Amino acid sequence: MEGLVPGNGSLTPRFILVGEAPGETEVTSHKPFTGRAGIELDKSLATLGVTRAEVFITSAYRSRPFKLVTKTSKRTGETYQKKDNRPPTKQEMISQAFLLDYELAHLPTDLILTIGNTGLQRLLGNDYHVSSVHGQLFTGPVRRYDYDQKKFVPTQRSYRIMPTFHPAAVFYNRQLQVDLAADLAQFKQLL
């Protein structure tokens, strides 16, 4: 892992957006969702009629988890090592759980948009998968990590959570744009 990217945005947000973890661009800029995924996210925010200044954007994990892979240049035939993004492990998530827990406890809104599986599962549990629950509204406590009990426990506070796809997912599956647009239309009604 590398870097540490804090949550960013309004301290009185219209909603909280919870993603997975920073990538290479985010580690360099020290802001969540910059680069290609950030451009797609900005389009989604515009669809909702909001700007980054009106929301709080954060991640389930704040450092960039990566794996070293060996690649071969098609042009030169030379091999080189590259850092590819990967999802954070359970232990990595636990090590930084207090950061998201603190933000959720102290930000005044109860409305959360999760993007991708990692943010969704961090808040609601591993039984939830964005492909089957996207666009649905869940109301109730979310999970916070209790370091004394060494497990995730429900919060006292209730939240409204709507999962949708990660903005980068459309790079790999253009058909998800239809689902994403429908999810955003549903979410916009909550604003």
N, C-alpha and C. Protein backbone atom coordinates (compact mmCIF):
# COMPACT_ATOMS: atom_id res chain seq x y z
N MET A 1 0.84 -1.18 0.00
CA MET A 1 0.00 0.00 0.00
C MET A 1 0.88 1.24 0.00
N GLU A 2 0.29 2.34 -0.45
CA GLU A 2 1.04 3.60 -0.45
C GLU A 2 0.09 4.77 -0.28
N GLY A 3 0.60 5.85 0.28
CA GLY A 3 -0.14 7.10 0.41
C GLY A 3 -1.24 7.05 1.45
N LEU A 4 -1.83 8.21 1.67
CA LEU A 4 -2.98 8.35 2.54
C LEU A 4 -3.81 9.51 2.01
N VAL A 5 -5.01 9.23 1.55
CA VAL A 5 -5.87 10.24 0.95
C VAL A 5 -7.06 10.48 1.87
N PRO A 6 -7.16 11.67 2.46
CA PRO A 6 -8.28 11.95 3.37
C PRO A 6 -9.58 12.16 2.61
N GLY A 7 -10.69 12.05 3.33
CA GLY A 7 -11.97 12.44 2.76
C GLY A 7 -11.93 13.92 2.43
N ASN A 8 -12.80 14.36 1.52
CA ASN A 8 -12.73 15.73 1.04
C ASN A 8 -14.13 16.23 0.69
N GLY A 9 -14.39 17.48 1.05
CA GLY A 9 -15.66 18.08 0.65
C GLY A 9 -16.28 18.89 1.76
N SER A 10 -17.58 19.11 1.61
CA SER A 10 -18.34 19.92 2.55
C SER A 10 -18.46 19.23 3.91
N LEU A 11 -18.36 20.02 4.97
CA LEU A 11 -18.59 19.49 6.32
C LEU A 11 -20.08 19.54 6.69
N THR A 12 -20.88 20.11 5.79
CA THR A 12 -22.34 20.06 5.91
C THR A 12 -22.89 19.57 4.56
N PRO A 13 -22.54 18.34 4.19
CA PRO A 13 -22.84 17.86 2.84
C PRO A 13 -24.30 17.49 2.63
N ARG A 14 -24.69 17.53 1.37
CA ARG A 14 -26.03 17.04 1.01
C ARG A 14 -26.06 15.52 1.12
N PHE A 15 -24.92 14.88 0.86
CA PHE A 15 -24.78 13.44 1.08
C PHE A 15 -23.30 13.09 1.17
N ILE A 16 -23.05 11.88 1.62
CA ILE A 16 -21.69 11.35 1.72
C ILE A 16 -21.53 10.30 0.63
N LEU A 17 -20.45 10.37 -0.11
CA LEU A 17 -20.15 9.38 -1.13
C LEU A 17 -19.00 8.52 -0.62
N VAL A 18 -19.19 7.21 -0.58
CA VAL A 18 -18.18 6.29 -0.07
C VAL A 18 -17.73 5.36 -1.19
N GLY A 19 -16.45 5.47 -1.56
CA GLY A 19 -15.86 4.62 -2.57
C GLY A 19 -14.98 3.55 -1.96
N GLU A 20 -14.12 2.96 -2.79
CA GLU A 20 -13.27 1.85 -2.35
C GLU A 20 -11.98 2.32 -1.71
N ALA A 21 -11.07 2.81 -2.53
CA ALA A 21 -9.73 3.21 -2.09
C ALA A 21 -9.12 4.07 -3.18
N PRO A 22 -8.13 4.88 -2.82
CA PRO A 22 -7.49 5.70 -3.85
C PRO A 22 -6.67 4.86 -4.83
N GLY A 23 -6.52 5.41 -6.01
CA GLY A 23 -5.63 4.83 -7.00
C GLY A 23 -4.38 5.68 -7.14
N GLU A 24 -3.63 5.43 -8.17
CA GLU A 24 -2.36 6.13 -8.38
C GLU A 24 -2.54 7.65 -8.47
N THR A 25 -3.52 8.10 -9.23
CA THR A 25 -3.75 9.54 -9.40
C THR A 25 -4.15 10.20 -8.09
N GLU A 26 -4.99 9.52 -7.31
CA GLU A 26 -5.45 10.08 -6.04
C GLU A 26 -4.32 10.20 -5.03
N VAL A 27 -3.41 9.24 -5.02
CA VAL A 27 -2.27 9.30 -4.10
C VAL A 27 -1.39 10.51 -4.44
N THR A 28 -1.27 10.82 -5.71
CA THR A 28 -0.48 11.98 -6.14
C THR A 28 -1.19 13.30 -5.82
N SER A 29 -2.49 13.35 -6.08
CA SER A 29 -3.25 14.60 -5.88
C SER A 29 -3.71 14.81 -4.44
N HIS A 30 -3.72 13.74 -3.65
CA HIS A 30 -4.21 13.76 -2.26
C HIS A 30 -5.69 14.11 -2.16
N LYS A 31 -6.45 13.83 -3.22
CA LYS A 31 -7.89 14.04 -3.23
C LYS A 31 -8.57 12.81 -3.82
N PRO A 32 -9.73 12.43 -3.25
CA PRO A 32 -10.43 11.27 -3.80
C PRO A 32 -11.04 11.54 -5.17
N PHE A 33 -11.05 10.53 -5.98
CA PHE A 33 -11.67 10.55 -7.30
C PHE A 33 -11.17 11.66 -8.19
N THR A 34 -9.90 11.57 -8.53
CA THR A 34 -9.31 12.41 -9.56
C THR A 34 -8.96 11.46 -10.71
N GLY A 35 -8.49 11.96 -11.79
CA GLY A 35 -8.18 11.10 -12.93
C GLY A 35 -9.44 10.68 -13.67
N ARG A 36 -9.35 9.58 -14.42
CA ARG A 36 -10.46 9.13 -15.27
C ARG A 36 -11.73 8.84 -14.47
N ALA A 37 -11.58 8.14 -13.35
CA ALA A 37 -12.76 7.84 -12.52
C ALA A 37 -13.38 9.12 -11.98
N GLY A 38 -12.55 10.09 -11.68
CA GLY A 38 -13.05 11.37 -11.19
C GLY A 38 -13.85 12.13 -12.23
N ILE A 39 -13.44 12.04 -13.48
CA ILE A 39 -14.19 12.67 -14.57
C ILE A 39 -15.58 12.05 -14.66
N GLU A 40 -15.64 10.72 -14.58
CA GLU A 40 -16.94 10.03 -14.61
C GLU A 40 -17.78 10.39 -13.39
N LEU A 41 -17.12 10.49 -12.23
CA LEU A 41 -17.84 10.87 -11.01
C LEU A 41 -18.42 12.28 -11.15
N ASP A 42 -17.64 13.20 -11.69
CA ASP A 42 -18.13 14.56 -11.88
C ASP A 42 -19.37 14.58 -12.79
N LYS A 43 -19.39 13.72 -13.80
CA LYS A 43 -20.58 13.61 -14.66
C LYS A 43 -21.78 13.13 -13.85
N SER A 44 -21.54 12.15 -12.98
CA SER A 44 -22.62 11.63 -12.13
C SER A 44 -23.13 12.70 -11.18
N LEU A 45 -22.22 13.46 -10.59
CA LEU A 45 -22.63 14.54 -9.69
C LEU A 45 -23.45 15.59 -10.44
N ALA A 46 -23.03 15.91 -11.67
CA ALA A 46 -23.77 16.88 -12.48
C ALA A 46 -25.18 16.37 -12.77
N THR A 47 -25.31 15.07 -13.02
CA THR A 47 -26.63 14.47 -13.23
C THR A 47 -27.52 14.66 -12.01
N LEU A 48 -26.89 14.61 -10.83
CA LEU A 48 -27.63 14.81 -9.58
C LEU A 48 -27.89 16.28 -9.28
N GLY A 49 -27.25 17.17 -10.04
CA GLY A 49 -27.43 18.60 -9.82
C GLY A 49 -26.62 19.13 -8.65
N VAL A 50 -25.50 18.46 -8.34
CA VAL A 50 -24.63 18.90 -7.25
C VAL A 50 -23.19 18.99 -7.73
N THR A 51 -22.38 19.69 -6.96
CA THR A 51 -20.95 19.78 -7.23
C THR A 51 -20.19 19.09 -6.10
N ARG A 52 -18.91 18.88 -6.31
CA ARG A 52 -18.07 18.31 -5.25
C ARG A 52 -18.11 19.14 -3.98
N ALA A 53 -18.27 20.45 -4.12
CA ALA A 53 -18.29 21.34 -2.96
C ALA A 53 -19.51 21.12 -2.06
N GLU A 54 -20.52 20.43 -2.58
CA GLU A 54 -21.76 20.20 -1.82
C GLU A 54 -21.83 18.81 -1.18
N VAL A 55 -20.86 17.96 -1.45
CA VAL A 55 -20.88 16.60 -0.92
C VAL A 55 -19.57 16.32 -0.18
N PHE A 56 -19.54 15.23 0.54
CA PHE A 56 -18.31 14.78 1.18
C PHE A 56 -17.93 13.46 0.53
N ILE A 57 -16.75 13.42 -0.08
CA ILE A 57 -16.29 12.24 -0.81
C ILE A 57 -15.20 11.56 0.00
N THR A 58 -15.38 10.28 0.26
CA THR A 58 -14.44 9.54 1.08
C THR A 58 -14.32 8.11 0.57
N SER A 59 -13.53 7.31 1.26
CA SER A 59 -13.29 5.93 0.84
C SER A 59 -13.33 4.99 2.04
N ALA A 60 -13.63 3.75 1.76
CA ALA A 60 -13.62 2.72 2.80
C ALA A 60 -12.19 2.49 3.29
N TYR A 61 -11.22 2.68 2.41
CA TYR A 61 -9.80 2.52 2.75
C TYR A 61 -9.06 3.70 2.16
N ARG A 62 -8.12 4.29 2.88
CA ARG A 62 -7.51 5.56 2.48
C ARG A 62 -6.16 5.46 1.80
N SER A 63 -5.53 4.31 1.86
CA SER A 63 -4.25 4.13 1.18
C SER A 63 -4.49 3.37 -0.11
N ARG A 64 -3.54 3.43 -1.02
CA ARG A 64 -3.68 2.72 -2.28
C ARG A 64 -3.20 1.29 -2.13
N PRO A 65 -4.10 0.31 -2.18
CA PRO A 65 -3.65 -1.08 -2.18
C PRO A 65 -3.23 -1.46 -3.60
N PHE A 66 -2.11 -2.09 -3.73
CA PHE A 66 -1.65 -2.47 -5.06
C PHE A 66 -0.91 -3.80 -5.00
N LYS A 67 -0.74 -4.38 -6.18
CA LYS A 67 0.08 -5.58 -6.32
C LYS A 67 1.08 -5.29 -7.44
N LEU A 68 2.29 -5.77 -7.25
CA LEU A 68 3.30 -5.62 -8.30
C LEU A 68 3.10 -6.70 -9.34
N VAL A 69 3.02 -6.28 -10.58
CA VAL A 69 2.89 -7.23 -11.68
C VAL A 69 3.99 -6.97 -12.69
N THR A 70 4.41 -8.00 -13.35
CA THR A 70 5.43 -7.88 -14.38
C THR A 70 4.73 -7.78 -15.73
N LYS A 71 5.08 -6.76 -16.47
CA LYS A 71 4.49 -6.51 -17.79
C LYS A 71 5.60 -6.54 -18.84
N THR A 72 5.20 -6.75 -20.06
CA THR A 72 6.14 -6.72 -21.18
C THR A 72 5.69 -5.64 -22.16
N SER A 73 6.60 -4.76 -22.49
CA SER A 73 6.30 -3.69 -23.43
C SER A 73 6.08 -4.28 -24.82
N LYS A 74 4.95 -3.96 -25.44
CA LYS A 74 4.67 -4.44 -26.80
C LYS A 74 5.61 -3.79 -27.81
N ARG A 75 6.05 -2.60 -27.48
CA ARG A 75 6.91 -1.86 -28.40
C ARG A 75 8.35 -2.35 -28.37
N THR A 76 8.87 -2.52 -27.14
CA THR A 76 10.30 -2.84 -27.02
C THR A 76 10.56 -4.29 -26.63
N GLY A 77 9.55 -4.97 -26.10
CA GLY A 77 9.74 -6.34 -25.64
C GLY A 77 10.38 -6.43 -24.26
N GLU A 78 10.71 -5.28 -23.67
CA GLU A 78 11.33 -5.27 -22.34
C GLU A 78 10.27 -5.52 -21.27
N THR A 79 10.69 -6.19 -20.20
CA THR A 79 9.78 -6.40 -19.07
C THR A 79 10.02 -5.32 -18.01
N TYR A 80 8.96 -5.02 -17.30
CA TYR A 80 9.03 -4.01 -16.24
C TYR A 80 7.98 -4.34 -15.19
N GLN A 81 8.14 -3.75 -14.02
CA GLN A 81 7.18 -3.95 -12.93
C GLN A 81 6.24 -2.76 -12.87
N LYS A 82 4.97 -3.06 -12.60
CA LYS A 82 3.94 -2.02 -12.52
C LYS A 82 3.09 -2.29 -11.28
N LYS A 83 2.61 -1.20 -10.66
CA LYS A 83 1.71 -1.32 -9.52
C LYS A 83 0.27 -1.30 -10.04
N ASP A 84 -0.41 -2.43 -9.94
CA ASP A 84 -1.82 -2.50 -10.32
C ASP A 84 -2.69 -2.36 -9.07
N ASN A 85 -3.78 -1.62 -9.20
CA ASN A 85 -4.71 -1.49 -8.08
C ASN A 85 -5.33 -2.84 -7.76
N ARG A 86 -5.68 -3.03 -6.49
CA ARG A 86 -6.41 -4.22 -6.05
C ARG A 86 -7.33 -3.80 -4.91
N PRO A 87 -8.35 -4.59 -4.62
CA PRO A 87 -9.21 -4.25 -3.47
C PRO A 87 -8.44 -4.40 -2.16
N PRO A 88 -8.77 -3.60 -1.16
CA PRO A 88 -8.11 -3.76 0.14
C PRO A 88 -8.53 -5.07 0.80
N THR A 89 -7.61 -5.63 1.57
CA THR A 89 -7.91 -6.86 2.32
C THR A 89 -8.75 -6.51 3.55
N LYS A 90 -9.31 -7.53 4.18
CA LYS A 90 -10.09 -7.31 5.40
C LYS A 90 -9.23 -6.65 6.48
N GLN A 91 -8.00 -7.12 6.65
CA GLN A 91 -7.12 -6.54 7.67
C GLN A 91 -6.77 -5.10 7.36
N GLU A 92 -6.55 -4.80 6.10
CA GLU A 92 -6.29 -3.41 5.72
C GLU A 92 -7.50 -2.53 6.03
N MET A 93 -8.69 -3.03 5.74
CA MET A 93 -9.91 -2.27 6.02
C MET A 93 -10.04 -2.00 7.52
N ILE A 94 -9.77 -3.01 8.32
CA ILE A 94 -9.86 -2.86 9.77
C ILE A 94 -8.85 -1.83 10.27
N SER A 95 -7.65 -1.85 9.70
CA SER A 95 -6.59 -0.95 10.18
C SER A 95 -6.96 0.52 10.03
N GLN A 96 -7.82 0.84 9.09
CA GLN A 96 -8.21 2.24 8.87
C GLN A 96 -9.70 2.49 9.08
N ALA A 97 -10.39 1.53 9.66
CA ALA A 97 -11.85 1.66 9.83
C ALA A 97 -12.23 2.89 10.64
N PHE A 98 -11.41 3.24 11.60
CA PHE A 98 -11.73 4.38 12.47
C PHE A 98 -11.87 5.68 11.69
N LEU A 99 -11.21 5.80 10.57
CA LEU A 99 -11.29 7.04 9.78
C LEU A 99 -12.70 7.26 9.22
N LEU A 100 -13.23 6.25 8.55
CA LEU A 100 -14.58 6.36 8.02
C LEU A 100 -15.61 6.42 9.15
N ASP A 101 -15.39 5.63 10.19
CA ASP A 101 -16.31 5.64 11.33
C ASP A 101 -16.42 7.05 11.92
N TYR A 102 -15.30 7.73 12.06
CA TYR A 102 -15.28 9.09 12.60
C TYR A 102 -16.06 10.04 11.70
N GLU A 103 -15.79 9.96 10.40
CA GLU A 103 -16.47 10.86 9.46
C GLU A 103 -17.99 10.67 9.52
N LEU A 104 -18.43 9.42 9.47
CA LEU A 104 -19.87 9.16 9.48
C LEU A 104 -20.52 9.64 10.77
N ALA A 105 -19.81 9.49 11.88
CA ALA A 105 -20.36 9.91 13.18
C ALA A 105 -20.44 11.43 13.30
N HIS A 106 -19.57 12.14 12.60
CA HIS A 106 -19.49 13.59 12.79
C HIS A 106 -20.09 14.43 11.67
N LEU A 107 -20.34 13.85 10.52
CA LEU A 107 -20.98 14.61 9.45
C LEU A 107 -22.49 14.61 9.69
N PRO A 108 -23.16 15.75 9.47
CA PRO A 108 -24.56 15.86 9.88
C PRO A 108 -25.58 15.12 9.01
N THR A 109 -25.23 14.69 7.82
CA THR A 109 -26.21 14.03 6.96
C THR A 109 -26.28 12.53 7.24
N ASP A 110 -27.44 11.96 6.96
CA ASP A 110 -27.61 10.51 7.09
C ASP A 110 -27.68 9.83 5.72
N LEU A 111 -27.54 10.60 4.65
CA LEU A 111 -27.69 10.08 3.29
C LEU A 111 -26.33 9.70 2.71
N ILE A 112 -26.21 8.44 2.28
CA ILE A 112 -24.94 7.91 1.78
C ILE A 112 -25.15 7.26 0.42
N LEU A 113 -24.28 7.57 -0.53
CA LEU A 113 -24.22 6.89 -1.82
C LEU A 113 -22.94 6.08 -1.83
N THR A 114 -23.05 4.75 -1.89
CA THR A 114 -21.84 3.92 -1.99
C THR A 114 -21.63 3.60 -3.46
N ILE A 115 -20.36 3.61 -3.86
CA ILE A 115 -20.06 3.28 -5.25
C ILE A 115 -19.09 2.11 -5.28
N GLY A 116 -19.55 1.01 -5.86
CA GLY A 116 -18.77 -0.21 -5.90
C GLY A 116 -19.03 -1.10 -4.69
N ASN A 117 -18.51 -2.32 -4.76
CA ASN A 117 -18.74 -3.30 -3.70
C ASN A 117 -18.05 -2.97 -2.39
N THR A 118 -16.84 -2.43 -2.44
CA THR A 118 -16.07 -2.25 -1.21
C THR A 118 -16.75 -1.29 -0.25
N GLY A 119 -17.17 -0.13 -0.72
CA GLY A 119 -17.87 0.82 0.14
C GLY A 119 -19.17 0.25 0.67
N LEU A 120 -19.92 -0.41 -0.21
CA LEU A 120 -21.18 -1.04 0.18
C LEU A 120 -20.96 -2.09 1.27
N GLN A 121 -20.02 -3.00 1.05
CA GLN A 121 -19.79 -4.08 2.00
C GLN A 121 -19.17 -3.58 3.30
N ARG A 122 -18.40 -2.53 3.24
CA ARG A 122 -17.84 -1.96 4.47
C ARG A 122 -18.96 -1.46 5.38
N LEU A 123 -20.00 -0.90 4.78
CA LEU A 123 -21.08 -0.33 5.57
C LEU A 123 -22.18 -1.32 5.92
N LEU A 124 -22.52 -2.23 5.00
CA LEU A 124 -23.66 -3.12 5.22
C LEU A 124 -23.29 -4.59 5.41
N GLY A 125 -22.08 -4.99 5.06
CA GLY A 125 -21.66 -6.38 5.24
C GLY A 125 -21.42 -7.09 3.92
N ASN A 126 -20.74 -8.20 4.00
CA ASN A 126 -20.29 -8.92 2.80
C ASN A 126 -21.40 -9.65 2.05
N ASP A 127 -22.59 -9.72 2.62
CA ASP A 127 -23.70 -10.36 1.92
C ASP A 127 -24.29 -9.48 0.82
N TYR A 128 -23.88 -8.24 0.78
CA TYR A 128 -24.41 -7.29 -0.20
C TYR A 128 -23.45 -7.15 -1.38
N HIS A 129 -24.02 -7.19 -2.58
CA HIS A 129 -23.23 -7.04 -3.81
C HIS A 129 -23.92 -6.01 -4.70
N VAL A 130 -23.16 -5.06 -5.17
CA VAL A 130 -23.73 -3.95 -5.92
C VAL A 130 -24.51 -4.43 -7.14
N SER A 131 -24.09 -5.52 -7.75
CA SER A 131 -24.78 -6.01 -8.95
C SER A 131 -26.22 -6.43 -8.65
N SER A 132 -26.50 -6.83 -7.42
CA SER A 132 -27.86 -7.28 -7.10
C SER A 132 -28.67 -6.27 -6.29
N VAL A 133 -28.04 -5.26 -5.70
CA VAL A 133 -28.79 -4.31 -4.85
C VAL A 133 -28.66 -2.85 -5.30
N HIS A 134 -28.00 -2.61 -6.43
CA HIS A 134 -27.83 -1.22 -6.87
C HIS A 134 -29.18 -0.55 -7.06
N GLY A 135 -29.23 0.73 -6.70
CA GLY A 135 -30.46 1.50 -6.87
C GLY A 135 -31.50 1.29 -5.78
N GLN A 136 -31.24 0.39 -4.85
CA GLN A 136 -32.18 0.15 -3.75
C GLN A 136 -31.78 1.00 -2.54
N LEU A 137 -32.76 1.46 -1.80
CA LEU A 137 -32.51 2.27 -0.62
C LEU A 137 -32.57 1.38 0.62
N PHE A 138 -31.52 1.44 1.42
CA PHE A 138 -31.47 0.72 2.69
C PHE A 138 -31.46 1.76 3.81
N THR A 139 -32.28 1.54 4.81
CA THR A 139 -32.34 2.44 5.95
C THR A 139 -32.05 1.65 7.22
N GLY A 140 -31.10 2.15 8.00
CA GLY A 140 -30.76 1.48 9.25
C GLY A 140 -29.33 1.80 9.65
N PRO A 141 -28.83 1.08 10.65
CA PRO A 141 -27.45 1.31 11.07
C PRO A 141 -26.46 0.81 10.02
N VAL A 142 -25.25 1.33 10.08
CA VAL A 142 -24.16 0.81 9.27
C VAL A 142 -23.15 0.15 10.21
N ARG A 143 -22.16 -0.47 9.62
CA ARG A 143 -21.15 -1.14 10.44
C ARG A 143 -20.02 -0.18 10.80
N ARG A 144 -19.62 -0.23 12.06
CA ARG A 144 -18.41 0.47 12.50
C ARG A 144 -17.55 -0.58 13.19
N TYR A 145 -16.25 -0.35 13.21
CA TYR A 145 -15.37 -1.35 13.82
C TYR A 145 -15.14 -1.03 15.29
N ASP A 146 -15.38 -2.03 16.13
CA ASP A 146 -15.14 -1.91 17.57
C ASP A 146 -13.81 -2.60 17.85
N TYR A 147 -12.78 -1.82 18.14
CA TYR A 147 -11.43 -2.36 18.34
C TYR A 147 -11.32 -3.16 19.64
N ASP A 148 -12.18 -2.90 20.63
CA ASP A 148 -12.18 -3.69 21.86
C ASP A 148 -12.76 -5.08 21.61
N GLN A 149 -13.88 -5.12 20.89
CA GLN A 149 -14.52 -6.40 20.59
C GLN A 149 -13.88 -7.11 19.40
N LYS A 150 -13.05 -6.37 18.65
CA LYS A 150 -12.38 -6.89 17.45
C LYS A 150 -13.37 -7.41 16.41
N LYS A 151 -14.40 -6.60 16.18
CA LYS A 151 -15.37 -6.96 15.15
C LYS A 151 -16.18 -5.72 14.76
N PHE A 152 -16.85 -5.85 13.61
CA PHE A 152 -17.76 -4.80 13.18
C PHE A 152 -19.07 -4.93 13.95
N VAL A 153 -19.58 -3.79 14.40
CA VAL A 153 -20.84 -3.74 15.14
C VAL A 153 -21.71 -2.65 14.52
N PRO A 154 -23.04 -2.71 14.74
CA PRO A 154 -23.91 -1.68 14.18
C PRO A 154 -23.76 -0.34 14.90
N THR A 155 -23.91 0.73 14.15
CA THR A 155 -23.90 2.07 14.74
C THR A 155 -25.21 2.30 15.48
N GLN A 156 -25.20 3.26 16.39
CA GLN A 156 -26.43 3.67 17.07
C GLN A 156 -27.31 4.47 16.09
N ARG A 157 -26.65 5.21 15.23
CA ARG A 157 -27.33 6.11 14.29
C ARG A 157 -27.84 5.33 13.07
N SER A 158 -28.94 5.77 12.54
CA SER A 158 -29.51 5.18 11.34
C SER A 158 -29.13 6.03 10.13
N TYR A 159 -28.92 5.38 9.00
CA TYR A 159 -28.54 6.05 7.76
C TYR A 159 -29.44 5.58 6.62
N ARG A 160 -29.47 6.38 5.56
CA ARG A 160 -30.10 5.98 4.30
C ARG A 160 -28.97 5.73 3.32
N ILE A 161 -28.85 4.50 2.82
CA ILE A 161 -27.74 4.11 1.97
C ILE A 161 -28.28 3.62 0.63
N MET A 162 -27.74 4.16 -0.46
CA MET A 162 -28.07 3.64 -1.78
C MET A 162 -26.78 3.25 -2.49
N PRO A 163 -26.66 2.00 -2.87
CA PRO A 163 -25.49 1.55 -3.62
C PRO A 163 -25.65 1.76 -5.13
N THR A 164 -24.54 2.05 -5.77
CA THR A 164 -24.50 2.06 -7.23
C THR A 164 -23.12 1.62 -7.68
N PHE A 165 -22.91 1.61 -8.97
CA PHE A 165 -21.66 1.13 -9.54
C PHE A 165 -20.56 2.19 -9.42
N HIS A 166 -19.34 1.72 -9.35
CA HIS A 166 -18.17 2.59 -9.35
C HIS A 166 -18.10 3.28 -10.71
N PRO A 167 -17.75 4.57 -10.74
CA PRO A 167 -17.70 5.26 -12.03
C PRO A 167 -16.75 4.62 -13.03
N ALA A 168 -15.69 3.99 -12.55
CA ALA A 168 -14.74 3.34 -13.47
C ALA A 168 -15.32 2.07 -14.08
N ALA A 169 -16.39 1.52 -13.50
CA ALA A 169 -16.98 0.28 -14.03
C ALA A 169 -17.44 0.46 -15.47
N VAL A 170 -17.85 1.67 -15.83
CA VAL A 170 -18.33 1.90 -17.20
C VAL A 170 -17.20 1.81 -18.22
N PHE A 171 -15.95 1.92 -17.78
CA PHE A 171 -14.82 1.76 -18.70
C PHE A 171 -14.74 0.32 -19.20
N TYR A 172 -15.16 -0.61 -18.36
CA TYR A 172 -15.02 -2.03 -18.65
C TYR A 172 -16.33 -2.66 -19.14
N ASN A 173 -17.45 -2.02 -18.83
CA ASN A 173 -18.75 -2.53 -19.23
C ASN A 173 -19.68 -1.35 -19.51
N ARG A 174 -19.72 -0.92 -20.75
CA ARG A 174 -20.50 0.26 -21.14
C ARG A 174 -22.00 0.08 -20.87
N GLN A 175 -22.47 -1.17 -20.81
CA GLN A 175 -23.89 -1.42 -20.56
C GLN A 175 -24.30 -0.96 -19.16
N LEU A 176 -23.34 -0.83 -18.25
CA LEU A 176 -23.66 -0.38 -16.89
C LEU A 176 -24.10 1.08 -16.85
N GLN A 177 -23.84 1.82 -17.92
CA GLN A 177 -24.26 3.23 -17.95
C GLN A 177 -25.77 3.37 -17.78
N VAL A 178 -26.53 2.44 -18.33
CA VAL A 178 -27.99 2.48 -18.21
C VAL A 178 -28.39 2.28 -16.75
N ASP A 179 -27.80 1.28 -16.09
CA ASP A 179 -28.10 1.03 -14.68
C ASP A 179 -27.66 2.20 -13.80
N LEU A 180 -26.48 2.73 -14.08
CA LEU A 180 -25.96 3.86 -13.30
C LEU A 180 -26.90 5.06 -13.43
N ALA A 181 -27.34 5.34 -14.64
CA ALA A 181 -28.26 6.48 -14.86
C ALA A 181 -29.57 6.27 -14.09
N ALA A 182 -30.09 5.06 -14.10
CA ALA A 182 -31.34 4.77 -13.37
C ALA A 182 -31.12 4.91 -11.86
N ASP A 183 -29.98 4.42 -11.37
CA ASP A 183 -29.67 4.55 -9.94
C ASP A 183 -29.58 6.01 -9.53
N LEU A 184 -28.91 6.81 -10.35
CA LEU A 184 -28.76 8.23 -10.04
C LEU A 184 -30.10 8.95 -10.05
N ALA A 185 -30.99 8.56 -10.97
CA ALA A 185 -32.33 9.16 -11.00
C ALA A 185 -33.08 8.84 -9.71
N GLN A 186 -32.94 7.61 -9.22
CA GLN A 186 -33.56 7.22 -7.94
C GLN A 186 -32.97 8.04 -6.79
N PHE A 187 -31.64 8.15 -6.78
CA PHE A 187 -30.96 8.85 -5.70
C PHE A 187 -31.31 10.34 -5.69
N LYS A 188 -31.45 10.92 -6.87
CA LYS A 188 -31.76 12.35 -6.98
C LYS A 188 -33.07 12.69 -6.27
N GLN A 189 -33.99 11.76 -6.23
CA GLN A 189 -35.27 11.99 -5.55
C GLN A 189 -35.09 12.14 -4.04
N LEU A 190 -33.97 11.66 -3.51
CA LEU A 190 -33.71 11.75 -2.07
C LEU A 190 -33.07 13.07 -1.67
N LEU A 191 -32.57 13.82 -2.65
CA LEU A 191 -31.87 15.07 -2.34
C LEU A 191 -32.84 16.21 -2.05
